[in-house]
C-alpha atoms as a PDB file:
ATOM      1  CA  MET A   1      64.160 -42.658  47.977  1.00  0.00           C
ATOM      2  CA  LYS A   2      64.603 -39.036  46.814  1.00  0.00           C
ATOM      3  CA  LYS A   3      63.430 -36.265  49.006  1.00  0.00           C
ATOM      4  CA  CYS A   4      61.334 -33.601  47.384  1.00  0.00           C
ATOM      5  CA  ARG A   5      62.306 -30.010  48.106  1.00  0.00           C
ATOM      6  CA  GLN A   6      59.508 -27.849  49.218  1.00  0.00           C
ATOM      7  CA  ARG A   7      59.072 -24.717  47.083  1.00  0.00           C
ATOM      8  CA  ALA A   8      58.940 -21.546  49.079  1.00  0.00           C
ATOM      9  CA  PRO A   9      55.544 -19.967  49.043  1.00  0.00           C
ATOM     10  CA  PHE A  10      55.185 -16.931  46.793  1.00  0.00           C
ATOM     11  CA  HIS A  11      54.532 -13.663  48.549  1.00  0.00           C
ATOM     12  CA  PRO A  12      53.516 -10.604  46.520  1.00  0.00           C
ATOM     13  CA  HIS A  13      55.412  -8.264  48.818  1.00  0.00           C
ATOM     14  CA  ASN A  14      58.674 -10.049  47.900  1.00  0.00           C
ATOM     15  CA  LYS A  15      58.181  -9.111  44.246  1.00  0.00           C
ATOM     16  CA  ARG A  16      57.445  -5.528  45.269  1.00  0.00           C
ATOM     17  CA  SER A  17      60.608  -5.382  47.340  1.00  0.00           C
ATOM     18  CA  LEU A  18      62.667  -6.729  44.444  1.00  0.00           C
ATOM     19  CA  ASN A  19      61.233  -4.122  42.091  1.00  0.00           C
ATOM     20  CA  LEU A  20      61.910  -1.413  44.651  1.00  0.00           C
ATOM     21  CA  GLN A  21      65.475  -2.598  45.071  1.00  0.00           C
ATOM     22  CA  SER A  22      66.084  -2.624  41.299  1.00  0.00           C
ATOM     23  CA  CYS A  23      64.608   0.883  41.014  1.00  0.00           C
ATOM     24  CA  ASN A  24      66.871   2.110  43.774  1.00  0.00           C
ATOM     25  CA  GLU A  25      69.885   0.589  42.052  1.00  0.00           C
ATOM     26  CA  LEU A  26      68.886   2.207  38.743  1.00  0.00           C
ATOM     27  CA  GLN A  27      68.423   5.595  40.398  1.00  0.00           C
ATOM     28  CA  LEU A  28      71.753   5.239  42.171  1.00  0.00           C
ATOM     29  CA  HIS A  29      73.416   4.403  38.853  1.00  0.00           C
ATOM     30  CA  ARG A  30      71.845   7.463  37.224  1.00  0.00           C
ATOM     31  CA  ILE A  31      72.932   9.687  40.100  1.00  0.00           C
ATOM     32  CA  CYS A  32      76.482   8.378  39.767  1.00  0.00           C
ATOM     33  CA  SER A  33      76.363   8.990  36.024  1.00  0.00           C
ATOM     34  CA  TYR A  34      75.065  12.525  36.521  1.00  0.00           C
ATOM     35  CA  SER A  35      77.718  13.206  39.138  1.00  0.00           C
ATOM     36  CA  LYS A  36      80.384  12.207  36.635  1.00  0.00           C
ATOM     37  CA  LEU A  37      79.112  14.634  33.982  1.00  0.00           C
ATOM     38  CA  PRO A  38      80.520  17.786  35.644  1.00  0.00           C
ATOM     39  CA  LEU A  39      83.865  16.072  36.079  1.00  0.00           C
ATOM     40  CA  LEU A  40      83.828  15.075  32.421  1.00  0.00           C
ATOM     41  CA  LEU A  41      82.938  18.621  31.348  1.00  0.00           C
ATOM     42  CA  VAL A  42      85.708  20.074  33.517  1.00  0.00           C
ATOM     43  CA  PHE A  43      88.173  17.627  31.992  1.00  0.00           C
ATOM     44  CA  VAL A  44      87.114  18.549  28.440  1.00  0.00           C
ATOM     45  CA  ILE A  45      87.350  22.283  29.205  1.00  0.00           C
ATOM     46  CA  ILE A  46      90.821  21.870  30.713  1.00  0.00           C
ATOM     47  CA  LEU A  47      91.881  19.788  27.736  1.00  0.00           C
ATOM     48  CA  PHE A  48      90.669  22.204  25.067  1.00  0.00           C
ATOM     49  CA  CYS A  49      91.251  25.532  26.816  1.00  0.00           C
ATOM     50  CA  PRO A  50      94.739  25.970  25.326  1.00  0.00           C
ATOM     51  CA  THR A  51      93.310  25.291  21.872  1.00  0.00           C
ATOM     52  CA  LEU A  52      90.335  27.612  22.285  1.00  0.00           C
ATOM     53  CA  PHE A  53      92.280  30.550  23.638  1.00  0.00           C
ATOM     54  CA  ALA A  54      95.542  30.061  21.779  1.00  0.00           C
ATOM     55  CA  GLN A  55      96.148  32.507  18.938  1.00  0.00           C
ATOM     56  CA  ALA A  56      97.363  31.184  15.611  1.00  0.00           C
ATOM     57  CA  ASP A  57     100.957  32.407  15.349  1.00  0.00           C
ATOM     58  CA  SER A  58     102.959  31.313  12.338  1.00  0.00           C
ATOM     59  CA  LEU A  59     105.927  33.304  13.637  1.00  0.00           C
ATOM     60  CA  GLN A  60     106.164  31.619  17.042  1.00  0.00           C
ATOM     61  CA  THR A  61     106.413  34.990  18.777  1.00  0.00           C
ATOM     62  CA  THR A  62     104.312  36.747  21.392  1.00  0.00           C
ATOM     63  CA  ASN A  63     104.342  40.087  19.605  1.00  0.00           C
ATOM     64  CA  PHE A  64     102.644  39.119  16.376  1.00  0.00           C
ATOM     65  CA  SER A  65      99.723  36.894  15.524  1.00  0.00           C
ATOM     66  CA  GLY A  66      98.606  35.394  12.232  1.00  0.00           C
ATOM     67  CA  SER A  67      95.157  36.915  12.654  1.00  0.00           C
ATOM     68  CA  GLY A  68      96.194  40.080  10.848  1.00  0.00           C
ATOM     69  CA  GLU A  69      96.476  42.272  13.964  1.00  0.00           C
ATOM     70  CA  LEU A  70      99.381  43.531  16.033  1.00  0.00           C
ATOM     71  CA  THR A  71      98.381  42.410  19.518  1.00  0.00           C
ATOM     72  CA  PRO A  72     100.046  44.078  21.206  1.00  0.00           C
ATOM     73  CA  LEU A  73     102.416  46.370  19.325  1.00  0.00           C
ATOM     74  CA  PRO A  74     106.030  46.559  20.467  1.00  0.00           C
ATOM     75  CA  ASP A  75     107.205  49.677  22.299  1.00  0.00           C
ATOM     76  CA  THR A  76     106.726  51.815  19.189  1.00  0.00           C
ATOM     77  CA  LEU A  77     105.528  51.249  15.664  1.00  0.00           C
ATOM     78  CA  ASP A  78     108.995  52.188  14.442  1.00  0.00           C
ATOM     79  CA  LYS A  79     110.417  49.266  16.385  1.00  0.00           C
ATOM     80  CA  ALA A  80     107.945  46.917  14.713  1.00  0.00           C
ATOM     81  CA  ILE A  81     108.919  48.289  11.298  1.00  0.00           C
ATOM     82  CA  ARG A  82     112.615  47.812  12.013  1.00  0.00           C
ATOM     83  CA  LEU A  83     111.956  44.267  13.189  1.00  0.00           C
ATOM     84  CA  ALA A  84     110.012  43.475  10.020  1.00  0.00           C
ATOM     85  CA  GLU A  85     112.708  44.949   7.784  1.00  0.00           C
ATOM     86  CA  GLN A  86     115.325  42.944   9.638  1.00  0.00           C
ATOM     87  CA  LYS A  87     113.562  39.576   9.532  1.00  0.00           C
ATOM     88  CA  LYS A  88     112.059  39.953   6.029  1.00  0.00           C
ATOM     89  CA  ASN A  89     109.061  37.887   7.072  1.00  0.00           C
ATOM     90  CA  PRO A  90     105.867  38.260   5.002  1.00  0.00           C
ATOM     91  CA  ASP A  91     103.646  37.770   8.058  1.00  0.00           C
ATOM     92  CA  LEU A  92     105.301  40.692   9.828  1.00  0.00           C
ATOM     93  CA  PHE A  93     104.827  42.923   6.787  1.00  0.00           C
ATOM     94  CA  TYR A  94     101.220  41.784   6.502  1.00  0.00           C
ATOM     95  CA  ASN A  95     100.522  42.609  10.159  1.00  0.00           C
ATOM     96  CA  LEU A  96     102.044  46.052   9.693  1.00  0.00           C
ATOM     97  CA  GLY A  97      99.840  46.581   6.644  1.00  0.00           C
ATOM     98  CA  VAL A  98      96.742  45.726   8.665  1.00  0.00           C
ATOM     99  CA  GLU A  99      97.838  48.076  11.441  1.00  0.00           C
ATOM    100  CA  PHE A 100      98.363  50.968   9.025  1.00  0.00           C
ATOM    101  CA  PHE A 101      95.039  50.192   7.339  1.00  0.00           C
ATOM    102  CA  SER A 102      93.271  50.410  10.707  1.00  0.00           C
ATOM    103  CA  ARG A 103      94.916  53.821  11.204  1.00  0.00           C
ATOM    104  CA  GLY A 104      93.563  55.025   7.852  1.00  0.00           C
ATOM    105  CA  GLU A 105      96.998  55.200   6.183  1.00  0.00           C
ATOM    106  CA  ILE A 106      96.077  53.355   2.988  1.00  0.00           C
ATOM    107  CA  GLY A 107      99.343  54.149   1.225  1.00  0.00           C
ATOM    108  CA  MET A 108     101.517  52.606   3.934  1.00  0.00           C
ATOM    109  CA  ALA A 109      99.112  49.674   4.225  1.00  0.00           C
ATOM    110  CA  ASN A 110      99.399  48.892   0.504  1.00  0.00           C
ATOM    111  CA  LEU A 111     103.158  49.308   0.731  1.00  0.00           C
ATOM    112  CA  TYR A 112     103.493  46.619   3.391  1.00  0.00           C
ATOM    113  CA  PHE A 113     101.027  44.324   1.645  1.00  0.00           C
ATOM    114  CA  LEU A 114     103.262  44.581  -1.435  1.00  0.00           C
ATOM    115  CA  LYS A 115     106.345  43.912   0.687  1.00  0.00           C
ATOM    116  CA  ALA A 116     104.716  40.730   1.979  1.00  0.00           C
ATOM    117  CA  LEU A 117     103.760  39.638  -1.542  1.00  0.00           C
ATOM    118  CA  ASN A 118     107.242  40.422  -2.836  1.00  0.00           C
ATOM    119  CA  ILE A 119     108.625  37.801  -0.452  1.00  0.00           C
ATOM    120  CA  ASN A 120     105.771  35.317  -0.777  1.00  0.00           C
ATOM    121  CA  SER A 121     103.486  35.788  -3.781  1.00  0.00           C
ATOM    122  CA  ALA A 122     101.176  33.070  -2.389  1.00  0.00           C
ATOM    123  CA  HIS A 123     100.367  35.064   0.775  1.00  0.00           C
ATOM    124  CA  SER A 124      96.596  34.960   0.391  1.00  0.00           C
ATOM    125  CA  PRO A 125      95.571  37.392   3.211  1.00  0.00           C
ATOM    126  CA  ALA A 126      97.934  40.099   1.950  1.00  0.00           C
ATOM    127  CA  ARG A 127      96.695  39.747  -1.633  1.00  0.00           C
ATOM    128  CA  THR A 128      93.053  39.747  -0.558  1.00  0.00           C
ATOM    129  CA  ASN A 129      93.490  42.912   1.509  1.00  0.00           C
ATOM    130  CA  LEU A 130      95.465  44.595  -1.273  1.00  0.00           C
ATOM    131  CA  GLU A 131      92.766  43.825  -3.849  1.00  0.00           C
ATOM    132  CA  LEU A 132      90.106  45.096  -1.454  1.00  0.00           C
ATOM    133  CA  SER A 133      92.047  48.312  -0.886  1.00  0.00           C
ATOM    134  CA  ILE A 134      92.454  48.820  -4.640  1.00  0.00           C
ATOM    135  CA  HIS A 135      88.765  48.162  -5.234  1.00  0.00           C
ATOM    136  CA  TYR A 136      87.707  50.968  -2.853  1.00  0.00           C
ATOM    137  CA  SER A 137      90.508  53.344  -3.860  1.00  0.00           C
ATOM    138  CA  PRO A 138      89.644  56.735  -5.446  1.00  0.00           C
ATOM    139  CA  ASP A 139      91.991  55.718  -8.289  1.00  0.00           C
ATOM    140  CA  ALA A 140      90.332  52.343  -8.881  1.00  0.00           C
ATOM    141  CA  ASP A 141      89.474  53.347 -12.449  1.00  0.00           C
ATOM    142  CA  LEU A 142      93.202  53.567 -13.258  1.00  0.00           C
ATOM    143  CA  TYR A 143      93.553  49.795 -12.864  1.00  0.00           C
ATOM    144  CA  PRO A 144      92.514  48.113 -16.132  1.00  0.00           C
ATOM    145  CA  GLU A 145      90.311  45.047 -15.964  1.00  0.00           C
ATOM    146  CA  GLN A 146      92.226  41.994 -17.174  1.00  0.00           C
ATOM    147  CA  LEU A 147      90.892  39.224 -19.356  1.00  0.00           C
ATOM    148  CA  PHE A 148      89.714  36.053 -17.672  1.00  0.00           C
ATOM    149  CA  LEU A 149      92.548  33.867 -19.002  1.00  0.00           C
ATOM    150  CA  VAL A 150      95.107  36.483 -17.970  1.00  0.00           C
ATOM    151  CA  GLN A 151      93.632  36.521 -14.463  1.00  0.00           C
ATOM    152  CA  VAL A 152      93.862  32.718 -14.283  1.00  0.00           C
ATOM    153  CA  LEU A 153      97.493  32.825 -15.455  1.00  0.00           C
ATOM    154  CA  PHE A 154      98.437  35.412 -12.837  1.00  0.00           C
ATOM    155  CA  LYS A 155      96.667  33.456 -10.110  1.00  0.00           C
ATOM    156  CA  VAL A 156      98.652  30.338 -11.016  1.00  0.00           C
ATOM    157  CA  LEU A 157     101.916  32.299 -11.072  1.00  0.00           C
ATOM    158  CA  ASN A 158     101.082  33.939  -7.748  1.00  0.00           C
ATOM    159  CA  TYR A 159     100.318  30.549  -6.213  1.00  0.00           C
ATOM    160  CA  LEU A 160     103.696  29.221  -7.377  1.00  0.00           C
ATOM    161  CA  SER A 161     105.838  31.109  -4.905  1.00  0.00           C
ATOM    162  CA  VAL A 162     109.620  30.943  -4.911  1.00  0.00           C
ATOM    163  CA  ASN A 163     109.712  28.099  -2.378  1.00  0.00           C
ATOM    164  CA  ARG A 164     107.089  26.066  -4.227  1.00  0.00           C
ATOM    165  CA  LEU A 165     108.849  26.549  -7.554  1.00  0.00           C
ATOM    166  CA  ALA A 166     112.144  25.410  -6.030  1.00  0.00           C
ATOM    167  CA  ILE A 167     110.502  22.263  -4.656  1.00  0.00           C
ATOM    168  CA  LEU A 168     108.761  21.565  -7.971  1.00  0.00           C
ATOM    169  CA  GLY A 169     112.024  22.015  -9.846  1.00  0.00           C
ATOM    170  CA  LEU A 170     113.821  19.531  -7.597  1.00  0.00           C
ATOM    171  CA  VAL A 171     110.969  17.026  -7.888  1.00  0.00           C
ATOM    172  CA  PHE A 172     110.951  17.191 -11.687  1.00  0.00           C
ATOM    173  CA  LEU A 173     114.750  16.985 -11.717  1.00  0.00           C
ATOM    174  CA  PHE A 174     114.569  13.774  -9.698  1.00  0.00           C
ATOM    175  CA  LEU A 175     111.861  12.390 -11.996  1.00  0.00           C
ATOM    176  CA  SER A 176     114.015  13.271 -14.997  1.00  0.00           C
ATOM    177  CA  ALA A 177     116.917  11.319 -13.503  1.00  0.00           C
ATOM    178  CA  VAL A 178     114.641   8.329 -12.861  1.00  0.00           C
ATOM    179  CA  SER A 179     113.288   8.533 -16.416  1.00  0.00           C
ATOM    180  CA  LEU A 180     116.833   8.647 -17.787  1.00  0.00           C
ATOM    181  CA  CYS A 181     117.779   5.529 -15.817  1.00  0.00           C
ATOM    182  CA  TRP A 182     114.620   3.861 -17.075  1.00  0.00           C
ATOM    183  CA  LEU A 183     115.594   4.710 -20.653  1.00  0.00           C
ATOM    184  CA  LEU A 184     119.193   3.503 -20.266  1.00  0.00           C
ATOM    185  CA  PHE A 185     118.204   0.160 -18.771  1.00  0.00           C
ATOM    186  CA  TYR A 186     115.153  -0.339 -20.954  1.00  0.00           C
ATOM    187  CA  ASN A 187     114.903  -3.547 -22.950  1.00  0.00           C
ATOM    188  CA  PRO A 188     116.511  -2.733 -26.330  1.00  0.00           C
ATOM    189  CA  GLU A 189     114.189  -5.141 -28.084  1.00  0.00           C
ATOM    190  CA  LYS A 190     111.126  -3.107 -27.071  1.00  0.00           C
ATOM    191  CA  GLU A 191     109.916   0.202 -28.372  1.00  0.00           C
ATOM    192  CA  ARG A 192     111.438   3.108 -26.392  1.00  0.00           C
ATOM    193  CA  ALA A 193     108.770   5.659 -27.137  1.00  0.00           C
ATOM    194  CA  LEU A 194     107.262   5.619 -23.630  1.00  0.00           C
ATOM    195  CA  PRO A 195     110.502   6.234 -21.651  1.00  0.00           C
ATOM    196  CA  ILE A 196     111.630   8.864 -24.156  1.00  0.00           C
ATOM    197  CA  LEU A 197     108.279  10.650 -23.888  1.00  0.00           C
ATOM    198  CA  THR A 198     108.399  10.484 -20.082  1.00  0.00           C
ATOM    199  CA  LEU A 199     111.954  11.842 -19.980  1.00  0.00           C
ATOM    200  CA  THR A 200     111.092  14.678 -22.373  1.00  0.00           C
ATOM    201  CA  PHE A 201     107.995  15.613 -20.377  1.00  0.00           C
ATOM    202  CA  CYS A 202     109.875  15.660 -17.051  1.00  0.00           C
ATOM    203  CA  LEU A 203     112.748  17.684 -18.529  1.00  0.00           C
ATOM    204  CA  LEU A 204     110.349  20.268 -19.960  1.00  0.00           C
ATOM    205  CA  LEU A 205     108.598  20.662 -16.616  1.00  0.00           C
ATOM    206  CA  CYS A 206     111.935  20.855 -14.799  1.00  0.00           C
ATOM    207  CA  VAL A 207     113.279  23.544 -17.139  1.00  0.00           C
ATOM    208  CA  SER A 208     109.996  25.477 -16.959  1.00  0.00           C
ATOM    209  CA  ALA A 209     110.036  25.415 -13.155  1.00  0.00           C
ATOM    210  CA  PHE A 210     113.625  26.673 -12.906  1.00  0.00           C
ATOM    211  CA  VAL A 211     113.119  29.344 -15.593  1.00  0.00           C
ATOM    212  CA  THR A 212     110.020  30.632 -13.795  1.00  0.00           C
ATOM    213  CA  LEU A 213     111.936  30.514 -10.510  1.00  0.00           C
ATOM    214  CA  SER A 214     114.747  32.606 -12.017  1.00  0.00           C
ATOM    215  CA  ILE A 215     112.275  35.190 -13.321  1.00  0.00           C
ATOM    216  CA  LYS A 216     110.507  35.449  -9.962  1.00  0.00           C
ATOM    217  CA  LEU A 217     113.804  35.775  -8.085  1.00  0.00           C
ATOM    218  CA  HIS A 218     114.908  38.551 -10.438  1.00  0.00           C
ATOM    219  CA  HIS A 219     111.594  40.343  -9.971  1.00  0.00           C
ATOM    220  CA  GLN A 220     111.854  39.877  -6.208  1.00  0.00           C
ATOM    221  CA  GLN A 221     115.297  41.479  -6.077  1.00  0.00           C
ATOM    222  CA  HIS A 222     114.586  44.224  -8.643  1.00  0.00           C
ATOM    223  CA  ASN A 223     110.984  45.088  -7.859  1.00  0.00           C
ATOM    224  CA  ARG A 224     110.258  48.541  -9.328  1.00  0.00           C
ATOM    225  CA  SER A 225     106.862  48.926  -7.701  1.00  0.00           C
ATOM    226  CA  ALA A 226     106.152  51.922  -5.496  1.00  0.00           C
ATOM    227  CA  VAL A 227     103.143  53.322  -3.650  1.00  0.00           C
ATOM    228  CA  VAL A 228     101.831  56.849  -3.202  1.00  0.00           C
ATOM    229  CA  ILE A 229     101.856  57.433   0.561  1.00  0.00           C
ATOM    230  CA  VAL A 230     100.520  61.012   0.800  1.00  0.00           C
ATOM    231  CA  ARG A 231      96.799  61.724   0.798  1.00  0.00           C
ATOM    232  CA  GLU A 232      96.946  63.210  -2.705  1.00  0.00           C
ATOM    233  CA  THR A 233      99.598  64.565  -5.047  1.00  0.00           C
ATOM    234  CA  GLU A 234      99.893  65.903  -8.565  1.00  0.00           C
ATOM    235  CA  LEU A 235     101.119  63.769 -11.437  1.00  0.00           C
ATOM    236  CA  LEU A 236     103.291  65.973 -13.637  1.00  0.00           C
ATOM    237  CA  SER A 237     104.167  65.554 -17.277  1.00  0.00           C
ATOM    238  CA  PRO A 238     107.536  63.847 -17.901  1.00  0.00           C
ATOM    239  CA  ALA A 239     108.695  66.715 -20.143  1.00  0.00           C
ATOM    240  CA  ASN A 240     107.437  69.762 -18.212  1.00  0.00           C
ATOM    241  CA  ASN A 241     105.605  70.813 -15.073  1.00  0.00           C
ATOM    242  CA  ASN A 242     102.129  70.525 -16.533  1.00  0.00           C
ATOM    243  CA  VAL A 243      99.745  68.715 -14.209  1.00  0.00           C
ATOM    244  CA  ILE A 244      98.250  65.623 -15.808  1.00  0.00           C
ATOM    245  CA  GLN A 245      95.984  64.597 -12.949  1.00  0.00           C
ATOM    246  CA  THR A 246      95.753  64.217  -9.185  1.00  0.00           C
ATOM    247  CA  VAL A 247      96.478  60.812  -7.681  1.00  0.00           C
ATOM    248  CA  HIS A 248      95.644  59.606  -4.195  1.00  0.00           C
ATOM    249  CA  SER A 249      97.154  57.576  -1.390  1.00  0.00           C
ATOM    250  CA  GLY A 250      97.574  53.871  -2.091  1.00  0.00           C
ATOM    251  CA  LEU A 251      98.079  54.107  -5.864  1.00  0.00           C
ATOM    252  CA  ILE A 252     100.592  51.497  -7.066  1.00  0.00           C
ATOM    253  CA  VAL A 253     103.018  52.679  -9.750  1.00  0.00           C
ATOM    254  CA  LYS A 254     106.140  51.393 -11.519  1.00  0.00           C
ATOM    255  CA  ILE A 255     109.299  53.478 -11.281  1.00  0.00           C
ATOM    256  CA  VAL A 256     110.758  53.998 -14.740  1.00  0.00           C
ATOM    257  CA  GLN A 257     113.522  56.498 -14.002  1.00  0.00           C
ATOM    258  CA  ASP A 258     115.059  58.450 -11.138  1.00  0.00           C
ATOM    259  CA  ASN A 259     114.991  62.111 -12.161  1.00  0.00           C
ATOM    260  CA  GLY A 260     116.391  64.348  -9.427  1.00  0.00           C
ATOM    261  CA  ASN A 261     113.654  65.147  -6.914  1.00  0.00           C
ATOM    262  CA  TYR A 262     111.120  63.222  -8.969  1.00  0.00           C
ATOM    263  CA  TYR A 263     110.442  59.702 -10.103  1.00  0.00           C
ATOM    264  CA  VAL A 264     109.286  59.072 -13.638  1.00  0.00           C
ATOM    265  CA  VAL A 265     106.557  56.515 -13.030  1.00  0.00           C
ATOM    266  CA  ARG A 266     104.136  54.429 -15.025  1.00  0.00           C
ATOM    267  CA  LEU A 267     100.582  54.193 -13.760  1.00  0.00           C
ATOM    268  CA  PRO A 268      98.552  50.964 -13.947  1.00  0.00           C
ATOM    269  CA  ASN A 269      96.892  52.293 -17.130  1.00  0.00           C
ATOM    270  CA  ASN A 270     100.372  52.835 -18.707  1.00  0.00           C
ATOM    271  CA  GLN A 271     100.199  56.613 -18.255  1.00  0.00           C
ATOM    272  CA  LEU A 272     103.689  58.121 -17.788  1.00  0.00           C
ATOM    273  CA  GLY A 273     104.307  60.999 -15.415  1.00  0.00           C
ATOM    274  CA  ARG A 274     106.464  62.434 -12.662  1.00  0.00           C
ATOM    275  CA  LEU A 275     105.834  62.195  -8.943  1.00  0.00           C
ATOM    276  CA  ASN A 276     107.686  63.899  -6.121  1.00  0.00           C
ATOM    277  CA  LYS A 277     109.974  61.467  -4.294  1.00  0.00           C
ATOM    278  CA  GLU A 278     108.537  62.495  -0.937  1.00  0.00           C
ATOM    279  CA  ALA A 279     105.093  61.366  -2.076  1.00  0.00           C
ATOM    280  CA  VAL A 280     106.221  57.894  -3.115  1.00  0.00           C
ATOM    281  CA  ARG A 281     107.717  54.970  -1.205  1.00  0.00           C
ATOM    282  CA  LYS A 282     109.435  52.093  -3.022  1.00  0.00           C
ATOM    283  CA  VAL A 283     108.697  48.460  -2.154  1.00  0.00           C
ATOM    284  CA  ILE A 284     112.413  47.605  -1.967  1.00  0.00           C
END
């Protein structure tokens, strides 16, 4: 005969004690969670502090930063200039341009922006600062406004720096070799128009890339650009000493001829004239 278990009598205070115990456990859990928050915040700060306070430095050096400022300068500015001329790094030239611009020496600033762009035509900060300097120059009206399609063409050519053109040329050369192999081993019973078209297209792009690369390398090594570095100077006639006009610091000219103590230069508006050599500094 089965024995029946007696059910324990229900007491209301037992339910209250259980609720109190669960509330205490919940509060304890919340307190533990809140106590972990400061530790978590400290961990996140420690983890991201190097990222937050690190300066972007494409040169991997403590003297120069990619932010466009020399922080700090080396012992002297001359030492920084010698270092930049020695390394031929566009970032160093760009930083020097920003430093000269902050000093109010617009001519030297434009000179070093042009030096940076001569090495890397795709250096966007240097080009942006140079265009801004030209826009606010007293001689801004000497720069003719180009047509829209011409501007697009120059932007594409500026984006295709020497390194990018070399890589593109090698890529298209490889694709041309693959297309040639495809044509040689193509089924002779099928029409060969597609492999021939592909090979022709790749060869044209390859030749175009290397021709453009050759032109840019020649321009890089024989850059005739120069910048007026004095506050203002007189532009003389090529034939005599008649003053044509007064030009200001930062004006970009092309050197046509070396004529004793003067350079025969061409202004952005194609005006020819002579400038004193001491008033002009060449890019290379």
